C-alpha atoms as a PDB file:
ATOM      1  CA  UNK A   1     101.279 126.213 106.327  1.00  0.00           C
ATOM      2  CA  UNK A   2      99.025 123.764 104.514  1.00  0.00           C
ATOM      3  CA  UNK A   3      96.807 124.994 101.734  1.00  0.00           C
ATOM      4  CA  UNK A   4      93.347 124.383 103.197  1.00  0.00           C
ATOM      5  CA  UNK A   5      91.595 124.564  99.814  1.00  0.00           C
ATOM      6  CA  UNK A   6      93.963 121.892  98.479  1.00  0.00           C
ATOM      7  CA  UNK A   7      93.265 119.777 101.584  1.00  0.00           C
ATOM      8  CA  UNK A   8      89.515 120.254 101.118  1.00  0.00           C
ATOM      9  CA  UNK A   9      89.701 119.076  97.512  1.00  0.00           C
ATOM     10  CA  UNK A  10      91.810 116.071  98.418  1.00  0.00           C
ATOM     11  CA  UNK A  11      89.484 115.149 101.277  1.00  0.00           C
ATOM     12  CA  UNK A  12      86.504 115.358  98.922  1.00  0.00           C
ATOM     13  CA  UNK A  13      88.186 113.018  96.421  1.00  0.00           C
ATOM     14  CA  UNK A  14      89.220 110.576  99.170  1.00  0.00           C
ATOM     15  CA  UNK A  15      85.739 110.576 100.718  1.00  0.00           C
ATOM     16  CA  UNK A  16      84.153 109.848  97.335  1.00  0.00           C
ATOM     17  CA  UNK A  17      86.588 106.999  96.681  1.00  0.00           C
ATOM     18  CA  UNK A  18      85.878 105.612 100.133  1.00  0.00           C
ATOM     19  CA  UNK A  19      82.124 105.775  99.560  1.00  0.00           C
ATOM     20  CA  UNK A  20      82.066 104.350  96.053  1.00  0.00           C
ATOM     21  CA  UNK A  21      85.018 101.954  96.000  1.00  0.00           C
ATOM     22  CA  UNK A  22      86.979 101.217  99.124  1.00  0.00           C
ATOM     23  CA  UNK A  23      84.218 100.764 101.700  1.00  0.00           C
ATOM     24  CA  UNK A  24      81.917  98.581  99.552  1.00  0.00           C
ATOM     25  CA  UNK A  25      84.915  96.406  98.645  1.00  0.00           C
ATOM     26  CA  UNK A  26      86.084  96.178 102.276  1.00  0.00           C
ATOM     27  CA  UNK A  27      82.624  95.208 103.511  1.00  0.00           C
ATOM     28  CA  UNK A  28      82.337  92.576 100.792  1.00  0.00           C
ATOM     29  CA  UNK A  29      85.778  91.266 101.685  1.00  0.00           C
ATOM     30  CA  UNK A  30      84.806  91.135 105.357  1.00  0.00           C
ATOM     31  CA  UNK A  31      81.721  89.085 104.494  1.00  0.00           C
ATOM     32  CA  UNK A  32      83.912  86.664 102.552  1.00  0.00           C
ATOM     33  CA  UNK A  33      86.473  86.168 105.323  1.00  0.00           C
ATOM     34  CA  UNK A  34      83.662  85.867 107.876  1.00  0.00           C
ATOM     35  CA  UNK A  35      82.401  82.923 105.785  1.00  0.00           C
ATOM     36  CA  UNK A  36      85.836  81.318 106.066  1.00  0.00           C
ATOM     37  CA  UNK A  37      87.195  82.308 102.677  1.00  0.00           C
ATOM     38  CA  UNK A  38      90.809  83.308 102.110  1.00  0.00           C
ATOM     39  CA  UNK A  39      92.260  86.272 100.245  1.00  0.00           C
ATOM     40  CA  UNK A  40      93.257  85.999  96.615  1.00  0.00           C
ATOM     41  CA  UNK A  41      96.160  87.836  94.952  1.00  0.00           C
ATOM     42  CA  UNK A  42      93.874  90.671  93.813  1.00  0.00           C
ATOM     43  CA  UNK A  43      92.604  91.167  97.392  1.00  0.00           C
ATOM     44  CA  UNK A  44      96.148  91.243  98.725  1.00  0.00           C
ATOM     45  CA  UNK A  45      97.217  93.731  96.058  1.00  0.00           C
ATOM     46  CA  UNK A  46      94.303  96.048  96.907  1.00  0.00           C
ATOM     47  CA  UNK A  47      94.963  95.761 100.639  1.00  0.00           C
ATOM     48  CA  UNK A  48      98.583  96.682 100.005  1.00  0.00           C
ATOM     49  CA  UNK A  49      97.421  99.769  98.106  1.00  0.00           C
ATOM     50  CA  UNK A  50      95.029 100.665 100.927  1.00  0.00           C
ATOM     51  CA  UNK A  51      97.775 100.464 103.548  1.00  0.00           C
ATOM     52  CA  UNK A  52     100.175 102.478 101.371  1.00  0.00           C
ATOM     53  CA  UNK A  53      97.481 105.128 100.834  1.00  0.00           C
ATOM     54  CA  UNK A  54      96.801 105.236 104.576  1.00  0.00           C
ATOM     55  CA  UNK A  55     100.449 106.034 105.232  1.00  0.00           C
ATOM     56  CA  UNK A  56     100.468 108.741 102.579  1.00  0.00           C
ATOM     57  CA  UNK A  57      97.357 110.473 103.908  1.00  0.00           C
ATOM     58  CA  UNK A  58      98.476 110.310 107.539  1.00  0.00           C
ATOM     59  CA  UNK A  59      99.701 113.919 107.524  1.00  0.00           C
ATOM     60  CA  UNK A  60      96.376 115.053 106.018  1.00  0.00           C
ATOM     61  CA  UNK A  61      94.442 113.297 108.780  1.00  0.00           C
ATOM     62  CA  UNK A  62      96.799 114.811 111.351  1.00  0.00           C
ATOM     63  CA  UNK A  63      95.958 118.277 109.999  1.00  0.00           C
ATOM     64  CA  UNK A  64      92.220 117.519 110.139  1.00  0.00           C
ATOM     65  CA  UNK A  65      91.415 115.812 113.446  1.00  0.00           C
ATOM     66  CA  UNK A  66      87.727 115.663 112.533  1.00  0.00           C
ATOM     67  CA  UNK A  67      88.666 112.748 110.227  1.00  0.00           C
ATOM     68  CA  UNK A  68      90.748 110.835 112.777  1.00  0.00           C
ATOM     69  CA  UNK A  69      87.844 108.815 114.185  1.00  0.00           C
ATOM     70  CA  UNK A  70      86.830 107.618 110.716  1.00  0.00           C
ATOM     71  CA  UNK A  71      90.438 106.816 109.810  1.00  0.00           C
ATOM     72  CA  UNK A  72      90.851 104.824 113.029  1.00  0.00           C
ATOM     73  CA  UNK A  73      87.662 102.856 112.332  1.00  0.00           C
ATOM     74  CA  UNK A  74      88.797 102.078 108.804  1.00  0.00           C
ATOM     75  CA  UNK A  75      92.176 100.849 109.993  1.00  0.00           C
ATOM     76  CA  UNK A  76      90.335  98.686 112.516  1.00  0.00           C
ATOM     77  CA  UNK A  77      88.124  97.233 109.786  1.00  0.00           C
ATOM     78  CA  UNK A  78      91.110  96.378 107.605  1.00  0.00           C
ATOM     79  CA  UNK A  79      92.912  94.845 110.586  1.00  0.00           C
ATOM     80  CA  UNK A  80      89.861  92.726 111.362  1.00  0.00           C
ATOM     81  CA  UNK A  81      89.758  91.565 107.738  1.00  0.00           C
ATOM     82  CA  UNK A  82      93.449  90.664 107.617  1.00  0.00           C
ATOM     83  CA  UNK A  83      93.385  88.927 111.020  1.00  0.00           C
ATOM     84  CA  UNK A  84      90.389  86.812 109.990  1.00  0.00           C
ATOM     85  CA  UNK A  85      91.907  86.079 106.581  1.00  0.00           C
ATOM     86  CA  UNK A  86      95.112  84.868 108.238  1.00  0.00           C
ATOM     87  CA  UNK A  87      93.112  82.639 110.574  1.00  0.00           C
ATOM     88  CA  UNK A  88      91.228  81.232 107.575  1.00  0.00           C
ATOM     89  CA  UNK A  89      94.474  80.604 105.700  1.00  0.00           C
ATOM     90  CA  UNK A  90      95.950  78.809 108.694  1.00  0.00           C
ATOM     91  CA  UNK A  91      92.824  76.682 109.066  1.00  0.00           C
ATOM     92  CA  UNK A  92      92.960  75.830 105.368  1.00  0.00           C
ATOM     93  CA  UNK A  93      96.595  74.787 105.752  1.00  0.00           C
ATOM     94  CA  UNK A  94      95.763  72.772 108.861  1.00  0.00           C
ATOM     95  CA  UNK A  95      97.917  74.879 111.200  1.00  0.00           C
ATOM     96  CA  UNK A  96      95.206  76.618 113.223  1.00  0.00           C
END
């Protein structure tokens, strides 16, 4: 059985990181790709970390269904960013 106090502490840390780091960065990145910009190596590295973290916290979200809606929305946001970035990269390369 999962230690609920450990889960609560981890959720608190993840929520704070989302609020102070990940979400502001993602929204800024979305604004950039919406303007037609492409991703740089730093952006790609951070997105890779985000996707790796999402896989690692999957079991935590499974244990706490109250967080599933937020997790789904975040995955959707990151997908929207990467889809738009790919489209921008293809346009830049002349293959769109």
